[in-house]
Amino acid sequence: MMTNVIAYLHTTFAYQSAAMQLMVGQANFAAQQLHLQETLPIVAPADTNTWNVAMPPDGVTGGFATADYIYLFNAGRLARIQQKPRPHGSSTAAADSRPSLIDSDGAYQLATQWLSAISVDVAALDSRYPHTIFQTVSRQAPVPIASASPTMPAARPGSRCFT
């Protein structure tokens, strides 16, 4: 049986709207549980330049941006919340030039608290994917920033998501 690949890879406005509502719902839950400084409730952005919905073979995958954060989804799950970069010279950008006050154990503890707050089974995650803790250098200044992440398999080749 031959499948029309073009039709399979096409998304309609109705599909994009439904996927966006699912993503916004998850983002609202996460923003509330993590006490992000975000205006709640988040509503689906009307500006199509601030969101992306991938084709159906990837599941509900894509992302959207608010004034302060970028929310990224992969296969129906919230994959990442990223704070938008602050303008150089802003009063809050000063934190980017200070050394991190958190060590690797503190980074791991903070990460597990955040994951638990959004209903992630941290013990199961830890047993399935060993975590790694590393420090990166800020883009605005050579200052280490602590980061913790599970070592998970890469996304499916060809999948589209903000990175």
N, C-alpha and C. Protein backbone atom coordinates (compact mmCIF):
# COMPACT_ATOMS: atom_id res chain seq x y z
N MET A 1 0.85 -1.18 0.00
CA MET A 1 0.00 0.00 0.00
C MET A 1 0.89 1.24 0.00
N MET A 2 0.58 2.16 -0.87
CA MET A 2 1.37 3.40 -1.01
C MET A 2 0.71 4.51 -0.20
N THR A 3 1.50 5.21 0.61
CA THR A 3 0.99 6.31 1.41
C THR A 3 1.41 7.62 0.77
N ASN A 4 0.53 8.58 0.76
CA ASN A 4 0.86 9.89 0.24
C ASN A 4 1.72 10.61 1.28
N VAL A 5 3.03 10.58 1.05
CA VAL A 5 3.97 11.13 2.01
C VAL A 5 3.76 12.62 2.20
N ILE A 6 3.46 13.33 1.14
CA ILE A 6 3.26 14.77 1.24
C ILE A 6 2.09 15.08 2.20
N ALA A 7 0.99 14.34 2.06
CA ALA A 7 -0.16 14.56 2.96
C ALA A 7 0.19 14.18 4.40
N TYR A 8 1.01 13.14 4.57
CA TYR A 8 1.38 12.68 5.90
C TYR A 8 2.27 13.70 6.61
N LEU A 9 3.10 14.38 5.86
CA LEU A 9 4.04 15.34 6.44
C LEU A 9 3.47 16.76 6.52
N HIS A 10 2.29 16.96 6.05
CA HIS A 10 1.67 18.28 6.05
C HIS A 10 0.91 18.49 7.36
N THR A 11 0.99 19.69 7.89
CA THR A 11 0.18 20.01 9.07
C THR A 11 -0.87 21.03 8.69
N THR A 12 -2.03 20.87 9.24
CA THR A 12 -3.11 21.82 9.01
C THR A 12 -3.13 22.83 10.14
N PHE A 13 -3.82 23.92 9.93
CA PHE A 13 -3.96 24.91 10.99
C PHE A 13 -4.67 24.30 12.20
N ALA A 14 -5.66 23.43 11.95
CA ALA A 14 -6.38 22.80 13.06
C ALA A 14 -5.43 21.94 13.90
N TYR A 15 -4.55 21.16 13.23
CA TYR A 15 -3.58 20.34 13.96
C TYR A 15 -2.62 21.23 14.74
N GLN A 16 -2.12 22.28 14.10
CA GLN A 16 -1.19 23.18 14.78
C GLN A 16 -1.84 23.84 15.99
N SER A 17 -3.09 24.25 15.85
CA SER A 17 -3.80 24.88 16.97
C SER A 17 -3.99 23.91 18.13
N ALA A 18 -4.37 22.66 17.82
CA ALA A 18 -4.57 21.66 18.87
C ALA A 18 -3.25 21.33 19.56
N ALA A 19 -2.19 21.16 18.78
CA ALA A 19 -0.87 20.87 19.36
C ALA A 19 -0.41 22.03 20.23
N MET A 20 -0.63 23.26 19.75
CA MET A 20 -0.21 24.43 20.52
C MET A 20 -0.97 24.51 21.84
N GLN A 21 -2.25 24.19 21.85
CA GLN A 21 -3.02 24.22 23.10
C GLN A 21 -2.48 23.19 24.10
N LEU A 22 -2.09 22.00 23.59
CA LEU A 22 -1.50 20.99 24.48
C LEU A 22 -0.18 21.49 25.06
N MET A 23 0.65 22.10 24.22
CA MET A 23 1.93 22.61 24.70
C MET A 23 1.74 23.74 25.72
N VAL A 24 0.82 24.64 25.45
CA VAL A 24 0.56 25.76 26.36
C VAL A 24 0.04 25.23 27.71
N GLY A 25 -0.79 24.21 27.67
CA GLY A 25 -1.29 23.61 28.92
C GLY A 25 -0.15 23.06 29.77
N GLN A 26 0.77 22.34 29.14
CA GLN A 26 1.91 21.80 29.89
C GLN A 26 2.82 22.93 30.39
N ALA A 27 3.01 23.95 29.58
CA ALA A 27 3.85 25.08 29.99
C ALA A 27 3.24 25.81 31.18
N ASN A 28 1.93 25.99 31.19
CA ASN A 28 1.25 26.63 32.32
C ASN A 28 1.48 25.84 33.61
N PHE A 29 1.32 24.52 33.52
CA PHE A 29 1.54 23.67 34.70
C PHE A 29 2.96 23.82 35.20
N ALA A 30 3.94 23.70 34.29
CA ALA A 30 5.35 23.78 34.69
C ALA A 30 5.69 25.16 35.26
N ALA A 31 5.23 26.22 34.61
CA ALA A 31 5.53 27.58 35.09
C ALA A 31 4.97 27.81 36.49
N GLN A 32 3.77 27.28 36.73
CA GLN A 32 3.16 27.44 38.05
C GLN A 32 3.90 26.61 39.10
N GLN A 33 4.21 25.36 38.79
CA GLN A 33 4.88 24.48 39.75
C GLN A 33 6.30 24.94 40.06
N LEU A 34 6.96 25.53 39.07
CA LEU A 34 8.35 25.96 39.25
C LEU A 34 8.46 27.41 39.73
N HIS A 35 7.30 28.06 39.90
CA HIS A 35 7.25 29.44 40.36
C HIS A 35 8.08 30.37 39.47
N LEU A 36 7.95 30.16 38.16
CA LEU A 36 8.66 31.02 37.22
C LEU A 36 8.06 32.42 37.24
N GLN A 37 8.88 33.40 36.99
CA GLN A 37 8.38 34.77 36.92
C GLN A 37 7.78 34.95 35.53
N GLU A 38 6.59 34.40 35.37
CA GLU A 38 5.89 34.34 34.10
C GLU A 38 4.47 34.81 34.31
N THR A 39 3.92 35.56 33.38
CA THR A 39 2.53 35.97 33.47
C THR A 39 1.66 34.76 33.17
N LEU A 40 0.82 34.38 34.14
CA LEU A 40 -0.05 33.21 33.99
C LEU A 40 -1.50 33.65 33.93
N PRO A 41 -2.34 32.97 33.21
CA PRO A 41 -2.01 31.83 32.38
C PRO A 41 -1.35 32.26 31.08
N ILE A 42 -0.46 31.40 30.60
CA ILE A 42 0.15 31.61 29.29
C ILE A 42 -0.94 31.31 28.26
N VAL A 43 -1.04 32.11 27.25
CA VAL A 43 -2.00 31.85 26.17
C VAL A 43 -1.23 31.53 24.91
N ALA A 44 -1.85 30.79 24.01
CA ALA A 44 -1.21 30.43 22.75
C ALA A 44 -0.87 31.70 21.98
N PRO A 45 0.37 31.86 21.59
CA PRO A 45 0.77 33.08 20.89
C PRO A 45 0.06 33.20 19.54
N ALA A 46 -0.42 34.38 19.23
CA ALA A 46 -1.06 34.62 17.94
C ALA A 46 0.00 34.89 16.88
N ASP A 47 1.15 35.40 17.28
CA ASP A 47 2.24 35.70 16.36
C ASP A 47 2.93 34.40 15.97
N THR A 48 2.77 33.97 14.73
CA THR A 48 3.34 32.68 14.31
C THR A 48 4.86 32.70 14.25
N ASN A 49 5.49 33.85 14.39
CA ASN A 49 6.95 33.89 14.43
C ASN A 49 7.49 33.47 15.79
N THR A 50 6.63 33.32 16.80
CA THR A 50 7.09 32.96 18.13
C THR A 50 6.78 31.51 18.48
N TRP A 51 6.29 30.72 17.53
CA TRP A 51 6.02 29.31 17.82
C TRP A 51 6.26 28.44 16.60
N ASN A 52 6.42 27.14 16.87
CA ASN A 52 6.68 26.15 15.84
C ASN A 52 6.02 24.85 16.24
N VAL A 53 5.29 24.24 15.32
CA VAL A 53 4.71 22.92 15.54
C VAL A 53 5.25 22.02 14.44
N ALA A 54 5.86 20.90 14.84
CA ALA A 54 6.44 19.98 13.87
C ALA A 54 5.36 19.12 13.22
N MET A 55 5.76 18.39 12.22
CA MET A 55 4.83 17.53 11.49
C MET A 55 4.38 16.36 12.35
N PRO A 56 3.21 15.78 12.08
CA PRO A 56 2.65 14.71 12.91
C PRO A 56 3.56 13.51 13.15
N PRO A 57 4.42 13.07 12.23
CA PRO A 57 5.26 11.91 12.55
C PRO A 57 6.13 12.10 13.78
N ASP A 58 6.41 13.34 14.14
CA ASP A 58 7.23 13.62 15.31
C ASP A 58 6.43 13.67 16.60
N GLY A 59 5.12 13.45 16.53
CA GLY A 59 4.29 13.62 17.72
C GLY A 59 4.12 15.11 17.98
N VAL A 60 3.61 15.46 19.12
CA VAL A 60 3.44 16.87 19.45
C VAL A 60 4.82 17.41 19.80
N THR A 61 5.44 18.02 18.81
CA THR A 61 6.81 18.52 18.93
C THR A 61 6.85 19.95 18.42
N GLY A 62 7.59 20.79 19.10
CA GLY A 62 7.70 22.18 18.68
C GLY A 62 8.04 23.04 19.88
N GLY A 63 7.65 24.28 19.80
CA GLY A 63 7.94 25.18 20.90
C GLY A 63 7.33 26.54 20.68
N PHE A 64 7.40 27.35 21.72
CA PHE A 64 6.90 28.72 21.61
C PHE A 64 7.64 29.58 22.61
N ALA A 65 7.58 30.87 22.39
CA ALA A 65 8.27 31.83 23.25
C ALA A 65 7.26 32.78 23.87
N THR A 66 7.54 33.14 25.12
CA THR A 66 6.80 34.20 25.80
C THR A 66 7.77 35.37 25.95
N ALA A 67 7.39 36.36 26.71
CA ALA A 67 8.27 37.52 26.88
C ALA A 67 9.60 37.15 27.54
N ASP A 68 9.59 36.16 28.45
CA ASP A 68 10.80 35.84 29.22
C ASP A 68 11.35 34.44 29.02
N TYR A 69 10.55 33.50 28.48
CA TYR A 69 10.98 32.11 28.39
C TYR A 69 10.69 31.52 27.03
N ILE A 70 11.42 30.44 26.74
CA ILE A 70 11.18 29.62 25.55
C ILE A 70 10.84 28.23 26.06
N TYR A 71 9.72 27.67 25.61
CA TYR A 71 9.27 26.34 26.01
C TYR A 71 9.42 25.42 24.81
N LEU A 72 10.11 24.29 25.01
CA LEU A 72 10.39 23.35 23.93
C LEU A 72 9.80 21.99 24.25
N PHE A 73 9.21 21.35 23.27
CA PHE A 73 8.52 20.07 23.45
C PHE A 73 9.04 19.06 22.44
N ASN A 74 9.09 17.79 22.87
CA ASN A 74 9.48 16.71 21.99
C ASN A 74 8.61 15.51 22.28
N ALA A 75 7.96 14.99 21.24
CA ALA A 75 7.11 13.80 21.35
C ALA A 75 6.07 13.93 22.46
N GLY A 76 5.44 15.08 22.56
CA GLY A 76 4.36 15.28 23.52
C GLY A 76 4.79 15.62 24.93
N ARG A 77 6.06 15.82 25.15
CA ARG A 77 6.55 16.13 26.49
C ARG A 77 7.33 17.43 26.50
N LEU A 78 7.20 18.14 27.60
CA LEU A 78 8.00 19.35 27.79
C LEU A 78 9.45 18.92 27.94
N ALA A 79 10.30 19.35 27.03
CA ALA A 79 11.70 18.91 27.03
C ALA A 79 12.62 19.93 27.67
N ARG A 80 12.28 21.22 27.54
CA ARG A 80 13.19 22.25 28.06
C ARG A 80 12.45 23.55 28.26
N ILE A 81 12.84 24.25 29.30
CA ILE A 81 12.41 25.63 29.52
C ILE A 81 13.69 26.44 29.55
N GLN A 82 13.75 27.43 28.71
CA GLN A 82 14.97 28.22 28.60
C GLN A 82 14.63 29.69 28.81
N GLN A 83 15.36 30.33 29.71
CA GLN A 83 15.13 31.75 29.92
C GLN A 83 15.72 32.51 28.74
N LYS A 84 14.98 33.47 28.23
CA LYS A 84 15.47 34.27 27.11
C LYS A 84 16.68 35.07 27.56
N PRO A 85 17.62 35.27 26.66
CA PRO A 85 18.78 36.10 27.01
C PRO A 85 18.35 37.51 27.38
N ARG A 86 19.04 38.07 28.34
CA ARG A 86 18.75 39.44 28.75
C ARG A 86 19.57 40.40 27.90
N PRO A 87 19.04 41.57 27.62
CA PRO A 87 19.82 42.55 26.86
C PRO A 87 21.09 42.94 27.60
N HIS A 88 22.18 43.08 26.86
CA HIS A 88 23.45 43.47 27.47
C HIS A 88 23.30 44.83 28.14
N GLY A 89 23.76 44.93 29.36
CA GLY A 89 23.67 46.18 30.09
C GLY A 89 22.42 46.31 30.95
N SER A 90 21.49 45.35 30.87
CA SER A 90 20.29 45.44 31.71
C SER A 90 20.67 45.15 33.16
N SER A 91 19.84 45.58 34.07
CA SER A 91 20.16 45.42 35.49
C SER A 91 20.22 43.95 35.89
N THR A 92 19.43 43.09 35.24
CA THR A 92 19.46 41.66 35.58
C THR A 92 20.59 40.94 34.88
N ALA A 93 21.21 41.55 33.87
CA ALA A 93 22.33 40.92 33.17
C ALA A 93 23.58 40.86 34.05
N ALA A 94 23.61 41.63 35.12
CA ALA A 94 24.78 41.64 36.01
C ALA A 94 25.02 40.26 36.61
N ALA A 95 23.98 39.47 36.80
CA ALA A 95 24.13 38.13 37.36
C ALA A 95 24.95 37.25 36.43
N ASP A 96 24.93 37.52 35.13
CA ASP A 96 25.69 36.72 34.18
C ASP A 96 27.20 36.89 34.33
N SER A 97 27.62 37.95 34.99
CA SER A 97 29.05 38.19 35.14
C SER A 97 29.58 37.71 36.49
N ARG A 98 28.71 37.14 37.31
CA ARG A 98 29.14 36.65 38.61
C ARG A 98 29.36 35.13 38.56
N PRO A 99 30.33 34.64 39.31
CA PRO A 99 30.55 33.19 39.35
C PRO A 99 29.34 32.47 39.94
N SER A 100 29.15 31.24 39.52
CA SER A 100 28.07 30.42 40.07
C SER A 100 28.35 30.13 41.53
N LEU A 101 27.34 30.21 42.35
CA LEU A 101 27.48 29.93 43.78
C LEU A 101 27.08 28.50 44.11
N ILE A 102 26.76 27.72 43.09
CA ILE A 102 26.27 26.37 43.31
C ILE A 102 27.31 25.36 42.83
N ASP A 103 27.54 24.31 43.64
CA ASP A 103 28.49 23.27 43.24
C ASP A 103 27.72 22.15 42.53
N SER A 104 28.43 21.09 42.14
CA SER A 104 27.78 20.03 41.36
C SER A 104 26.70 19.31 42.16
N ASP A 105 26.91 19.08 43.46
CA ASP A 105 25.88 18.44 44.28
C ASP A 105 24.65 19.34 44.41
N GLY A 106 24.89 20.62 44.57
CA GLY A 106 23.78 21.57 44.66
C GLY A 106 23.00 21.65 43.36
N ALA A 107 23.70 21.60 42.23
CA ALA A 107 23.03 21.63 40.92
C ALA A 107 22.14 20.40 40.76
N TYR A 108 22.66 19.24 41.16
CA TYR A 108 21.87 18.01 41.06
C TYR A 108 20.65 18.06 41.97
N GLN A 109 20.84 18.52 43.21
CA GLN A 109 19.72 18.61 44.16
C GLN A 109 18.65 19.57 43.64
N LEU A 110 19.06 20.71 43.12
CA LEU A 110 18.12 21.68 42.58
C LEU A 110 17.37 21.10 41.38
N ALA A 111 18.09 20.41 40.50
CA ALA A 111 17.46 19.80 39.33
C ALA A 111 16.43 18.76 39.75
N THR A 112 16.75 17.92 40.73
CA THR A 112 15.80 16.90 41.16
C THR A 112 14.58 17.52 41.84
N GLN A 113 14.77 18.63 42.56
CA GLN A 113 13.63 19.33 43.17
C GLN A 113 12.71 19.88 42.09
N TRP A 114 13.30 20.48 41.05
CA TRP A 114 12.48 21.03 39.96
C TRP A 114 11.75 19.93 39.21
N LEU A 115 12.44 18.83 38.94
CA LEU A 115 11.80 17.72 38.22
C LEU A 115 10.66 17.13 39.05
N SER A 116 10.88 16.97 40.34
CA SER A 116 9.81 16.45 41.22
C SER A 116 8.62 17.40 41.25
N ALA A 117 8.89 18.71 41.20
CA ALA A 117 7.80 19.70 41.24
C ALA A 117 6.90 19.60 40.02
N ILE A 118 7.43 19.11 38.91
CA ILE A 118 6.58 18.97 37.71
C ILE A 118 6.22 17.51 37.47
N SER A 119 6.19 16.73 38.55
CA SER A 119 5.69 15.36 38.55
C SER A 119 6.53 14.37 37.76
N VAL A 120 7.84 14.58 37.69
CA VAL A 120 8.74 13.62 37.05
C VAL A 120 9.17 12.62 38.11
N ASP A 121 9.14 11.33 37.77
CA ASP A 121 9.62 10.27 38.66
C ASP A 121 11.15 10.29 38.58
N VAL A 122 11.78 11.02 39.48
CA VAL A 122 13.23 11.23 39.44
C VAL A 122 13.98 9.91 39.64
N ALA A 123 13.51 9.05 40.53
CA ALA A 123 14.19 7.78 40.77
C ALA A 123 14.20 6.93 39.50
N ALA A 124 13.07 6.87 38.81
CA ALA A 124 13.01 6.09 37.56
C ALA A 124 13.89 6.73 36.49
N LEU A 125 13.88 8.04 36.42
CA LEU A 125 14.73 8.75 35.46
C LEU A 125 16.20 8.48 35.73
N ASP A 126 16.58 8.56 37.01
CA ASP A 126 17.97 8.31 37.40
C ASP A 126 18.41 6.88 37.11
N SER A 127 17.52 5.92 37.33
CA SER A 127 17.90 4.52 37.09
C SER A 127 18.01 4.21 35.60
N ARG A 128 17.22 4.88 34.81
CA ARG A 128 17.23 4.60 33.36
C ARG A 128 18.31 5.40 32.62
N TYR A 129 18.51 6.64 33.03
CA TYR A 129 19.47 7.51 32.37
C TYR A 129 20.42 8.10 33.41
N PRO A 130 21.66 7.65 33.44
CA PRO A 130 22.59 8.23 34.42
C PRO A 130 22.77 9.72 34.15
N HIS A 131 22.82 10.49 35.20
CA HIS A 131 22.92 11.94 35.03
C HIS A 131 24.38 12.37 34.90
N THR A 132 24.55 13.51 34.28
CA THR A 132 25.87 14.13 34.20
C THR A 132 25.73 15.56 34.71
N ILE A 133 26.75 16.04 35.36
CA ILE A 133 26.76 17.41 35.86
C ILE A 133 28.01 18.08 35.29
N PHE A 134 27.80 19.21 34.69
CA PHE A 134 28.92 19.91 34.07
C PHE A 134 28.70 21.40 34.19
N GLN A 135 29.75 22.14 33.95
CA GLN A 135 29.64 23.60 33.97
C GLN A 135 29.94 24.14 32.58
N THR A 136 29.16 25.13 32.20
CA THR A 136 29.39 25.79 30.92
C THR A 136 29.79 27.24 31.20
N VAL A 137 30.28 27.87 30.18
CA VAL A 137 30.69 29.26 30.30
C VAL A 137 29.57 30.14 29.75
N SER A 138 29.23 31.18 30.48
CA SER A 138 28.20 32.12 30.04
C SER A 138 28.62 32.75 28.73
N ARG A 139 27.65 33.03 27.87
CA ARG A 139 27.94 33.67 26.59
C ARG A 139 28.39 35.12 26.77
N GLN A 140 27.96 35.74 27.84
CA GLN A 140 28.26 37.15 28.03
C GLN A 140 29.55 37.37 28.81
N ALA A 141 29.97 36.39 29.57
CA ALA A 141 31.19 36.53 30.36
C ALA A 141 31.74 35.14 30.64
N PRO A 142 33.04 34.99 30.78
CA PRO A 142 33.62 33.66 31.04
C PRO A 142 33.42 33.22 32.49
N VAL A 143 32.16 32.93 32.84
CA VAL A 143 31.81 32.55 34.20
C VAL A 143 31.15 31.18 34.15
N PRO A 144 31.58 30.23 34.99
CA PRO A 144 30.95 28.91 34.96
C PRO A 144 29.51 28.96 35.50
N ILE A 145 28.64 28.24 34.84
CA ILE A 145 27.24 28.11 35.27
C ILE A 145 26.97 26.62 35.44
N ALA A 146 26.45 26.21 36.59
CA ALA A 146 26.20 24.79 36.84
C ALA A 146 24.99 24.33 36.06
N SER A 147 25.06 23.09 35.59
CA SER A 147 23.96 22.50 34.83
C SER A 147 23.93 21.00 35.11
N ALA A 148 22.74 20.44 35.24
CA ALA A 148 22.59 19.00 35.44
C ALA A 148 21.61 18.49 34.42
N SER A 149 21.91 17.33 33.82
CA SER A 149 20.97 16.78 32.86
C SER A 149 21.11 15.27 32.82
N PRO A 150 20.01 14.57 32.56
CA PRO A 150 20.12 13.12 32.37
C PRO A 150 20.76 12.87 31.02
N THR A 151 21.55 11.82 30.91
CA THR A 151 22.15 11.45 29.65
C THR A 151 21.13 10.59 28.92
N MET A 152 20.38 11.21 28.02
CA MET A 152 19.29 10.54 27.33
C MET A 152 19.65 10.36 25.87
N PRO A 153 19.03 9.38 25.19
CA PRO A 153 19.31 9.21 23.77
C PRO A 153 18.91 10.45 23.00
N ALA A 154 19.59 10.69 21.91
CA ALA A 154 19.31 11.85 21.07
C ALA A 154 17.92 11.74 20.45
N ALA A 155 17.38 12.87 20.08
CA ALA A 155 16.08 12.89 19.41
C ALA A 155 16.17 12.14 18.09
N ARG A 156 15.05 11.71 17.61
CA ARG A 156 14.97 11.00 16.36
C ARG A 156 15.59 11.82 15.24
N PRO A 157 16.46 11.24 14.39
CA PRO A 157 17.06 11.99 13.31
C PRO A 157 15.99 12.65 12.43
N GLY A 158 16.22 13.89 12.11
CA GLY A 158 15.28 14.60 11.24
C GLY A 158 14.16 15.28 11.98
N SER A 159 14.02 15.05 13.31
CA SER A 159 12.94 15.70 14.03
C SER A 159 13.25 17.18 14.14
N ARG A 160 12.22 17.99 14.15
CA ARG A 160 12.39 19.44 14.20
C ARG A 160 11.98 19.96 15.56
N CYS A 161 12.85 20.69 16.17
CA CYS A 161 12.53 21.35 17.43
C CYS A 161 13.51 22.50 17.58
N PHE A 162 13.14 23.54 18.30
CA PHE A 162 14.06 24.63 18.56
C PHE A 162 15.28 24.08 19.31
N THR A 163 16.44 24.56 19.03
CA THR A 163 17.62 24.21 19.83
C THR A 163 18.47 25.42 20.02
